[in-house]
Amino acid sequence: MSTFRFGLLAISVFLLIFVGGSWAKRGFPVTVYTIQPLKPDARIPTFEQAVKEGQRRDWVASKTNQSDGNIERDKLRSDLLQAANAYKLSPCDDTVRKNLVEALSNYTSAWHAMAWCTPGVNACPQSRDQRIDVAAAAFKTPADLSLHNVVGEAVEIGGIYRSDFPKSIQNFVFQWGHASPPDEPREACLIARKAASQQ
């Protein structure tokens, strides 16, 4: 056991002499950290530029109805906008109601397919948070935000219920207009007539 300790001690002394000798050869350098002010870099926008760009983006979003340019989602947006506006004008028509339920189902199903896609398939992100973020970004363009307002107004009329939609999307379908269906079944025609008589 003492031979083993002697061997370890000899190796340690050898390493200490070797490291100390190489440090002495270099003139005993010591790393010193200094604080220096940041130097401007043209690639990094200043705070003022970032604020102006953000304000410009918000202004463009509020004044335009731009979408993300995806042809399939643009068709879904257009169909849902037409159906919601038609329902607002004629909530008593069964065909108009059916068209709104179908358009809202298609729109929500497209979002659901992006948010709950299979990781790694068709460029679907691995992380659940990333999938939700990608889907949210795709369905929150200026075109979508104005569409959500119209959908909310149509849903508030009444006559559209959670049970009208497929079970897979029932929990998500009313998120768009930030309006939920009425708690108790109400006839949309009665609500529309009552609103018209109060004007």
Foldseek 3Di string as FASTA:
>chain_A
DVVVVVVVVVVVVVVVCVVVVVCVVVPVDDDDDDDDDDDDDPVDDDPVVVVVVVVVQVVCLVVDQDAPPDPVLVVLLVQLLVLLVVCLVPVQDPVSLLSNQVSLQVNQVVLCCQLVPDDPPPPRHPDSVVSNVVSCVNQPGSNNLVSLCSNLSSQVLAPDALVSYDPVCSVPSNPSVVHHHDPDHDRSVVSVVVVVVVD
